[in-house]
Amino acid sequence: VLTGNKRNPEAEDHSLATVLVSDIQNVESADAVSSLDLLANLINKDSVLRKAIISESNENALKILNEDQGEIGQCFLRFMDRHGHRCVKESELREKTWSDDPVKLLGILREKVRLNVLSKVKPERAPDSSNILQKLPLVKRVIINSMVGSARKGVARRENTKSSSIRILHRIRCAYRHLADLLVRQELLDDEDQIFFLTHDEIGMLISDRSPSWKSVCNARRQQQPLLEELVFDDVIYGIPEPRETQENHFNDQDALQGIPVSRGSVTGPVRIVNSLEEANQLQKGEIMIASFTDVGWSPYFTLISGLVTEIGSPLSHGAVVAREYGIPAVVSVKGARQILKTGDIITLNGDKGSIEKCSAKIISDPLS
């Protein structure tokens, strides 16, 4: 309706749609950020605990949180109860969730406490959607007004549904791990992780024939996994998926990348290419994160970043929703961004126009200051 049925909406169309679905209450993925902020804030108010969380090993710091009988311990338990089933690449059965491996979460919590910086809040003067809609023809305005309420509820419901589906998936994950533990005890597998490299039918065959050859099958497939993760595929595929050959891209200072603007605002800062959790742990305050996509597992890092760029995504993808709720400029569907840009590049990210421009300067002031 906004675009007049144009096949390819323009940046200003996306920007207007972004305003209509901003500032929504009870977004599940945004709560993962605010709840961790609350926990970090409580820790910072306790000087003794703060020092321990920062200086102790991950195991000791985790033990301190679990054993705390006060408000901090209760806050940590509430977070794990509500979000413990989430993690980076949470749809993969093989991945360990925050409740399975809390150390994954502890790293970003420690950084949040050390920096004593909470997530950015929404801009004080967010664009007024009613004023923007007044510029549209009467018929469009009436139609859009009739849909905005349902669309806004849909954003929150989508996140709630995703959380529920991942919670169910986690129960399946736990069941597979329990089965793997039984198979390891019977020496049919060497370790629990091997079960994720067998199909469901093959697991049945293993239980039936009890052949040690299945261990070799698992190990061979696990060895190939890092290579498979490097393959790139088209977004839409018909028939048997075939990997796409990566091409060398060149980005001149005069060039600009274009994507879909999903969270308003403009920021200039250094790039941090993030392909894994290990690289995410290297994020520094004020950097602009460039990733293939984000899920709730990335949410805690939104405290540190000043901008977000993803190669895949839409106005209702996780990164877009959380970025809007915390006033972080964001552009999604920027094809090849991780190959074109490099960690340390200085770029200007425009969340209104959906553009990314490379700056010649190498040293800038803190974007968050």
Protein backbone atom coordinates (compact mmCIF):
# COMPACT_ATOMS: atom_id res chain seq x y z
CA VAL A 1 0.00 0.00 0.00
CA LEU A 2 2.81 2.40 0.89
CA THR A 3 4.68 1.88 -2.35
CA GLY A 4 1.74 1.85 -4.71
CA ASN A 5 2.37 -1.86 -5.32
CA LYS A 6 5.93 -1.33 -6.56
CA ARG A 7 7.77 -4.62 -6.90
CA ASN A 8 10.92 -3.25 -5.26
CA PRO A 9 10.25 -0.76 -2.45
CA GLU A 10 12.69 2.13 -2.18
CA ALA A 11 14.67 3.14 0.90
CA GLU A 12 12.18 5.82 1.93
CA ASP A 13 9.36 3.26 1.77
CA HIS A 14 11.25 0.94 4.13
CA SER A 15 12.14 3.88 6.37
CA LEU A 16 8.49 4.86 6.74
CA ALA A 17 7.45 1.27 7.43
CA THR A 18 10.17 1.11 10.09
CA VAL A 19 8.61 4.04 11.95
CA LEU A 20 5.23 2.28 11.99
CA VAL A 21 6.65 -0.83 13.71
CA SER A 22 9.00 0.88 16.18
CA ASP A 23 8.67 1.32 19.95
CA ILE A 24 6.72 -1.90 20.55
CA GLN A 25 6.22 -3.24 24.06
CA ASN A 26 6.94 -6.78 25.30
CA VAL A 27 9.29 -7.87 22.52
CA GLU A 28 10.82 -11.13 23.74
CA SER A 29 14.21 -10.77 22.04
CA ALA A 30 14.58 -7.19 23.31
CA ASP A 31 13.98 -8.44 26.86
CA ALA A 32 17.12 -10.58 26.55
CA VAL A 33 19.07 -7.33 26.28
CA SER A 34 17.24 -5.36 28.97
CA SER A 35 17.28 -8.26 31.46
CA LEU A 36 21.02 -8.68 31.07
CA ASP A 37 21.39 -4.91 31.47
CA LEU A 38 19.49 -5.13 34.74
CA LEU A 39 21.76 -7.93 35.98
CA ALA A 40 24.90 -5.99 35.04
CA ASN A 41 23.55 -2.87 36.76
CA LEU A 42 22.91 -4.80 39.99
CA ILE A 43 26.42 -6.28 39.89
CA ASN A 44 27.96 -2.85 39.40
CA LYS A 45 26.21 -1.60 42.54
CA ASP A 46 27.97 -4.29 44.61
CA SER A 47 31.68 -3.39 44.57
CA VAL A 48 32.81 -6.72 46.04
CA LEU A 49 30.79 -8.82 43.62
CA ARG A 50 31.76 -6.58 40.71
CA LYS A 51 35.45 -7.13 41.39
CA ALA A 52 34.93 -10.88 41.67
CA ILE A 53 32.94 -11.12 38.40
CA ILE A 54 35.62 -9.20 36.51
CA SER A 55 38.71 -10.86 38.00
CA GLU A 56 37.66 -14.44 38.71
CA SER A 57 37.73 -17.28 36.18
CA ASN A 58 34.55 -18.05 34.26
CA GLU A 59 33.87 -21.08 36.44
CA ASN A 60 34.30 -19.17 39.71
CA ALA A 61 32.29 -16.18 38.49
CA LEU A 62 29.48 -18.52 37.45
CA LYS A 63 29.59 -20.24 40.84
CA ILE A 64 29.28 -16.86 42.56
CA LEU A 65 26.16 -15.97 40.55
CA ASN A 66 24.54 -19.36 41.14
CA GLU A 67 25.22 -19.25 44.90
CA ASP A 68 24.11 -15.66 45.47
CA GLN A 69 20.96 -15.69 47.60
CA GLY A 70 20.10 -12.02 47.08
CA GLU A 71 18.60 -9.95 44.30
CA ILE A 72 21.51 -10.58 41.93
CA GLY A 73 21.19 -14.35 42.18
CA GLN A 74 17.42 -14.15 41.68
CA CYS A 75 17.87 -11.88 38.65
CA PHE A 76 20.33 -14.36 37.11
CA LEU A 77 17.93 -17.26 37.72
CA ARG A 78 15.03 -15.33 36.14
CA PHE A 79 17.14 -14.58 33.08
CA MET A 80 18.14 -18.22 32.64
CA ASP A 81 14.56 -19.39 33.17
CA ARG A 82 13.24 -17.04 30.48
CA HIS A 83 16.12 -17.02 28.01
CA GLY A 84 18.34 -19.97 28.94
CA HIS A 85 17.10 -22.00 25.98
CA ARG A 86 18.53 -19.45 23.53
CA CYS A 87 22.02 -19.21 22.02
CA VAL A 88 23.86 -18.24 18.85
CA LYS A 89 22.68 -20.45 15.95
CA GLU A 90 19.89 -21.60 18.25
CA SER A 91 18.07 -23.60 15.56
CA GLU A 92 20.99 -26.02 15.31
CA LEU A 93 20.44 -29.06 17.53
CA ARG A 94 24.18 -29.46 18.04
CA GLU A 95 24.64 -26.01 19.60
CA LYS A 96 24.76 -25.67 23.39
CA THR A 97 22.33 -23.14 24.84
CA TRP A 98 23.05 -20.58 27.55
CA SER A 99 21.63 -22.98 30.15
CA ASP A 100 23.80 -25.84 28.80
CA ASP A 101 26.92 -23.70 28.75
CA PRO A 102 26.46 -20.49 30.79
CA VAL A 103 30.11 -19.55 30.17
CA LYS A 104 29.00 -18.42 26.69
CA LEU A 105 26.86 -15.79 28.34
CA LEU A 106 29.32 -14.91 31.06
CA GLY A 107 31.85 -13.41 28.68
CA ILE A 108 29.52 -10.68 27.45
CA LEU A 109 28.11 -10.12 30.95
CA ARG A 110 31.64 -9.55 32.27
CA GLU A 111 32.37 -7.08 29.47
CA LYS A 112 29.09 -5.30 30.18
CA VAL A 113 30.01 -5.02 33.87
CA ARG A 114 33.59 -3.96 33.14
CA LEU A 115 32.54 -1.16 30.80
CA ASN A 116 29.64 -0.21 33.08
CA VAL A 117 27.64 0.70 29.98
CA LEU A 118 24.05 -0.26 29.36
CA SER A 119 22.22 -0.53 26.06
CA LYS A 120 21.35 2.62 24.23
CA VAL A 121 17.83 3.79 24.84
CA LYS A 122 15.40 4.87 22.20
CA PRO A 123 15.88 8.40 20.90
CA GLU A 124 13.99 10.96 22.99
CA ARG A 125 12.33 12.36 19.91
CA ALA A 126 11.33 9.37 17.87
CA PRO A 127 9.54 10.25 14.61
CA ASP A 128 5.80 10.62 15.08
CA SER A 129 4.10 8.09 12.81
CA SER A 130 0.85 10.08 12.77
CA ASN A 131 2.62 13.16 11.42
CA ILE A 132 4.39 11.09 8.76
CA LEU A 133 1.16 9.43 7.67
CA GLN A 134 -0.49 12.83 7.24
CA LYS A 135 1.71 13.32 4.19
CA LEU A 136 0.08 10.35 2.44
CA PRO A 137 -3.10 10.51 0.36
CA LEU A 138 -6.30 10.04 2.36
CA VAL A 139 -7.13 6.56 1.02
CA LYS A 140 -3.63 5.22 1.78
CA ARG A 141 -3.72 6.80 5.22
CA VAL A 142 -7.02 5.15 6.10
CA ILE A 143 -5.92 1.72 4.84
CA ILE A 144 -2.58 1.83 6.64
CA ASN A 145 -4.12 3.08 9.90
CA SER A 146 -6.46 0.08 9.80
CA MET A 147 -3.48 -2.31 9.58
CA VAL A 148 -0.90 -0.71 11.85
CA GLY A 149 -2.32 -2.11 15.11
CA SER A 150 -2.30 -5.69 13.85
CA ALA A 151 1.14 -5.28 12.31
CA ARG A 152 2.61 -4.01 15.58
CA LYS A 153 1.05 -6.86 17.55
CA GLY A 154 2.41 -9.23 14.92
CA VAL A 155 5.99 -8.12 15.58
CA ALA A 156 5.75 -9.03 19.28
CA ARG A 157 3.84 -12.23 18.57
CA ARG A 158 6.42 -13.34 16.03
CA GLU A 159 9.19 -13.03 18.64
CA ASN A 160 7.11 -14.84 21.26
CA THR A 161 6.33 -17.64 18.82
CA LYS A 162 10.00 -17.98 17.90
CA SER A 163 10.94 -18.24 21.57
CA SER A 164 8.32 -20.95 22.15
CA SER A 165 9.45 -22.94 19.12
CA ILE A 166 13.09 -22.76 20.23
CA ARG A 167 12.05 -23.87 23.74
CA ILE A 168 10.41 -26.96 22.21
CA LEU A 169 13.49 -27.54 20.04
CA HIS A 170 15.63 -27.37 23.16
CA ARG A 171 13.63 -30.18 24.75
CA ILE A 172 14.32 -32.27 21.64
CA ARG A 173 17.99 -31.29 21.89
CA CYS A 174 18.08 -32.44 25.53
CA ALA A 175 16.47 -35.75 24.55
CA TYR A 176 19.12 -36.38 21.89
CA ARG A 177 21.87 -35.56 24.38
CA HIS A 178 20.34 -37.97 26.89
CA LEU A 179 20.22 -40.67 24.22
CA ALA A 180 23.83 -39.89 23.29
CA ASP A 181 24.86 -40.26 26.93
CA LEU A 182 23.29 -43.73 27.01
CA LEU A 183 25.09 -44.69 23.77
CA VAL A 184 28.43 -43.45 25.12
CA ARG A 185 27.97 -45.55 28.27
CA GLN A 186 27.43 -48.58 26.05
CA GLU A 187 30.55 -47.59 24.03
CA LEU A 188 28.52 -47.24 20.85
CA LEU A 189 29.69 -43.61 20.58
CA ASP A 190 32.93 -41.99 21.71
CA ASP A 191 31.28 -38.75 22.84
CA GLU A 192 27.84 -37.14 22.99
CA ASP A 193 28.55 -34.76 20.11
CA GLN A 194 28.79 -37.63 17.61
CA ILE A 195 25.04 -38.21 17.67
CA PHE A 196 24.48 -34.96 15.77
CA PHE A 197 26.37 -36.36 12.78
CA LEU A 198 23.95 -39.23 12.23
CA THR A 199 20.50 -39.09 10.67
CA HIS A 200 17.54 -40.24 12.73
CA ASP A 201 17.38 -43.51 10.74
CA GLU A 202 21.11 -44.07 11.18
CA ILE A 203 20.77 -43.71 14.96
CA GLY A 204 18.19 -46.50 14.83
CA MET A 205 20.57 -48.65 12.78
CA LEU A 206 23.38 -47.99 15.28
CA ILE A 207 21.19 -49.12 18.16
CA SER A 208 20.16 -52.20 16.17
CA ASP A 209 23.47 -53.41 14.71
CA ARG A 210 25.79 -51.91 17.40
CA SER A 211 28.53 -51.62 14.79
CA PRO A 212 31.68 -49.64 15.77
CA SER A 213 31.92 -48.41 12.16
CA TRP A 214 29.36 -45.69 12.92
CA LYS A 215 31.99 -43.89 15.02
CA SER A 216 34.14 -43.51 11.91
CA VAL A 217 31.16 -42.15 9.99
CA CYS A 218 30.53 -39.55 12.68
CA ASN A 219 34.18 -38.51 12.86
CA ALA A 220 34.48 -38.15 9.09
CA ARG A 221 31.38 -35.94 8.91
CA ARG A 222 32.48 -33.87 11.90
CA GLN A 223 35.84 -33.27 10.25
CA GLN A 224 34.06 -31.91 7.18
CA GLN A 225 31.79 -29.58 9.17
CA PRO A 226 34.12 -26.52 9.20
CA LEU A 227 34.41 -26.73 5.40
CA LEU A 228 30.64 -27.00 4.98
CA GLU A 229 30.10 -23.92 7.14
CA GLU A 230 32.22 -21.87 4.75
CA LEU A 231 29.98 -22.65 1.76
CA VAL A 232 27.73 -19.87 0.46
CA PHE A 233 24.29 -20.52 -1.05
CA ASP A 234 21.69 -18.42 -2.81
CA ASP A 235 18.80 -17.19 -0.66
CA VAL A 236 16.26 -19.09 -2.79
CA ILE A 237 17.11 -22.47 -4.28
CA TYR A 238 15.12 -24.79 -6.56
CA GLY A 239 16.17 -28.44 -6.63
CA ILE A 240 19.42 -29.71 -5.12
CA PRO A 241 21.32 -26.92 -3.35
CA GLU A 242 24.58 -26.01 -5.07
CA PRO A 243 27.11 -23.76 -3.33
CA ARG A 244 27.81 -20.42 -4.94
CA GLU A 245 31.37 -19.54 -5.83
CA THR A 246 32.54 -16.53 -3.84
CA GLN A 247 33.82 -13.66 -5.91
CA GLU A 248 36.44 -11.11 -4.96
CA ASN A 249 34.73 -7.81 -4.34
CA HIS A 250 36.39 -4.41 -4.41
CA PHE A 251 35.07 -1.45 -2.47
CA ASN A 252 36.34 1.98 -3.38
CA ASP A 253 36.06 4.99 -1.11
CA GLN A 254 33.63 6.54 -3.58
CA ASP A 255 31.36 3.49 -3.63
CA ALA A 256 28.35 2.88 -1.39
CA LEU A 257 26.72 -0.39 -0.43
CA GLN A 258 22.94 -0.48 -0.36
CA GLY A 259 20.56 -2.56 1.71
CA ILE A 260 17.19 -2.34 3.41
CA PRO A 261 16.99 0.31 6.15
CA VAL A 262 15.30 -1.21 9.21
CA SER A 263 16.31 1.06 12.10
CA ARG A 264 16.66 4.81 11.76
CA GLY A 265 19.70 6.94 12.51
CA SER A 266 23.22 7.42 11.20
CA VAL A 267 26.54 6.45 12.79
CA THR A 268 30.20 6.50 11.80
CA GLY A 269 32.48 3.93 13.35
CA PRO A 270 34.91 1.03 12.88
CA VAL A 271 33.76 -2.26 11.40
CA ARG A 272 33.93 -5.59 13.19
CA ILE A 273 33.32 -8.61 10.94
CA VAL A 274 31.65 -11.35 12.99
CA ASN A 275 31.48 -14.90 11.65
CA SER A 276 31.52 -16.79 14.94
CA LEU A 277 30.95 -16.48 18.67
CA GLU A 278 34.69 -16.20 19.20
CA GLU A 279 34.82 -13.15 16.91
CA ALA A 280 31.75 -11.68 18.59
CA ASN A 281 33.60 -11.82 21.91
CA GLN A 282 36.17 -9.42 20.41
CA LEU A 283 33.56 -6.69 19.84
CA GLN A 284 34.52 -3.34 21.31
CA LYS A 285 32.27 -0.51 22.42
CA GLY A 286 31.17 1.66 19.48
CA GLU A 287 31.99 -0.80 16.70
CA ILE A 288 29.58 -1.55 13.86
CA MET A 289 28.89 -5.27 13.69
CA ILE A 290 28.79 -6.92 10.25
CA ALA A 291 27.28 -10.42 10.31
CA SER A 292 25.57 -12.85 7.99
CA PHE A 293 22.46 -12.69 10.21
CA THR A 294 21.60 -12.45 13.88
CA ASP A 295 19.38 -14.38 16.24
CA VAL A 296 18.64 -13.94 19.93
CA GLY A 297 22.04 -15.39 20.80
CA TRP A 298 23.57 -12.16 19.51
CA SER A 299 21.28 -9.94 21.59
CA PRO A 300 23.68 -9.35 24.51
CA TYR A 301 26.19 -7.80 22.11
CA PHE A 302 23.74 -5.04 21.20
CA THR A 303 24.96 -3.28 24.34
CA LEU A 304 28.37 -2.70 22.74
CA ILE A 305 27.67 -2.00 19.09
CA SER A 306 26.79 1.38 17.60
CA GLY A 307 25.35 -0.04 14.37
CA LEU A 308 24.36 -3.31 12.69
CA VAL A 309 24.71 -4.63 9.14
CA THR A 310 23.54 -8.10 8.08
CA GLU A 311 23.73 -9.85 4.72
CA ILE A 312 20.38 -11.55 5.23
CA GLY A 313 17.29 -10.10 6.85
CA SER A 314 14.09 -8.12 6.59
CA PRO A 315 12.28 -5.41 8.56
CA LEU A 316 10.89 -8.13 10.87
CA SER A 317 14.10 -10.13 11.35
CA HIS A 318 15.57 -10.41 14.83
CA GLY A 319 18.36 -7.87 14.33
CA ALA A 320 15.96 -5.30 12.91
CA VAL A 321 13.45 -5.65 15.76
CA VAL A 322 16.04 -5.38 18.55
CA ALA A 323 17.95 -2.57 16.84
CA ARG A 324 14.77 -0.49 16.62
CA GLU A 325 13.96 -1.08 20.27
CA TYR A 326 17.40 0.15 21.35
CA GLY A 327 17.91 3.00 18.89
CA ILE A 328 20.75 1.32 16.97
CA PRO A 329 20.96 2.24 13.25
CA ALA A 330 20.67 -0.93 11.17
CA VAL A 331 20.69 -2.01 7.53
CA VAL A 332 19.94 -5.58 6.42
CA SER A 333 20.15 -7.58 3.19
CA VAL A 334 23.54 -6.11 2.25
CA LYS A 335 24.88 -8.81 -0.03
CA GLY A 336 28.57 -9.63 0.32
CA ALA A 337 29.17 -7.16 3.15
CA ARG A 338 31.51 -9.53 5.03
CA GLN A 339 33.68 -9.97 1.94
CA ILE A 340 33.68 -6.34 0.84
CA LEU A 341 34.38 -4.77 4.24
CA LYS A 342 37.19 -5.60 6.63
CA THR A 343 37.51 -5.34 10.40
CA GLY A 344 38.88 -1.89 11.18
CA ASP A 345 37.36 -0.13 8.15
CA ILE A 346 35.67 3.14 9.07
CA ILE A 347 32.19 3.41 7.58
CA THR A 348 29.14 5.61 7.82
CA LEU A 349 25.98 3.57 8.27
CA ASN A 350 22.73 5.35 7.37
CA GLY A 351 19.68 3.60 8.78
CA ASP A 352 17.32 6.01 7.01
CA LYS A 353 18.67 5.56 3.47
CA GLY A 354 19.98 2.01 3.85
CA SER A 355 23.44 3.03 2.65
CA ILE A 356 26.97 2.22 3.82
CA GLU A 357 29.81 4.50 2.81
CA LYS A 358 33.49 3.95 3.51
CA CYS A 359 35.36 6.83 5.14
CA SER A 360 38.97 7.69 4.40
CA ALA A 361 39.71 8.64 8.03
CA LYS A 362 41.11 5.85 10.20
CA ILE A 363 40.70 7.49 13.59
CA ILE A 364 37.38 8.86 14.80
CA SER A 365 35.87 9.83 18.10
CA ASP A 366 33.77 7.36 20.05
CA PRO A 367 30.36 7.21 18.25
CA LEU A 368 28.62 6.68 21.58
CA SER A 369 30.20 9.62 23.37
